[in-house]
Structures are given as structure tokens and as C-alpha cells.
Amino acid sequence: MSGKNLRKTKIKAGNPAAVALLLAFGCGVGVCMLLLALAALLLTRTNLPLSAVRPMACMAASIGVAVSGFVLARRLKEKLLLCGLGCGAFYTVCLLAATLLAGGMPDWQGGNAMLPLALMLGGLLGGAAAALQEGR
């Protein structure tokens, strides 16, 4: 019995852009969740002040967006910086929607502007890292 009749079948996705978007979203959220869990563990096991919670959460979110932008840019392989910026804009709009749904008004002045700015720049960092890795 030879291996001629045994062929690997490739699973074809209907829309590669949709698959790339879902994969990027899953990777970014997964990394953010892991970093938030690590930050919570670090805050409970050490004597770090509770004022470090907000910068740690902001850092975890921006790294998650950077991973999301990187994965999306690597999967789509075109307009890499725009992919990263789009990821940052998407998460910033999600932050705005969550603020509005919670009944609050977005107050992005002073120190409160840190998270939306970090989300935008994190996505741009992910797209730039993908562009640098590709050698463009």
C-alpha cells in the first residue's frame, strides 16, 4: 500500500481576513489576561503599593494590543502599520463603548488619557514590529 492515495486535506477558510482578525483578537486578549493575572499575583505576593494597579493594567492592555496588531499585520502581510493602528483604534473604541454603556462620560484629560493613548500606541508598536521583522 503506497502513500499515493493518502493526501492531506487542507482546511480552507472562507475569508482569510476574518480569520486573521479573530486570531489577532484572541491572541491579544489572551496575552492581556495572562499579564493581568501575573500583575494580580505580583500585587498580592509583594508589598507593592496599590497605586501600581493602574499602570500595570495599562501596561498589560497595551502589550495585548501590541500583540494583536503584530499578529494581524503578520497574517495580512500588507499595510502593516495601518493594521497595528487599526487594532489600537478598535480597542480604544471598545473602551469608549464600555465607558458609555456603564453610564459614565469619557473623561480623557490629564492622567485619564493614559489608557486610550497606550492602546493606540501599543497597536502601532505591534504593526511597526511586524514591519521591522519583515524588513520593509
Foldseek 3Di string as FASTA:
>chain_A
DDCPVPDDDDDDDPDLLVVLLVVLLVQLVVQLVVQLVVVVVVVVVDVDDPVCNVVSNLVSNLLSLLSSLQSSCLSVVPPLLVSLQVSLVVVLVVVCVVCVVVPHHQDCPDPNVSNSVSSNVSSNNSSVVNCVVVPD
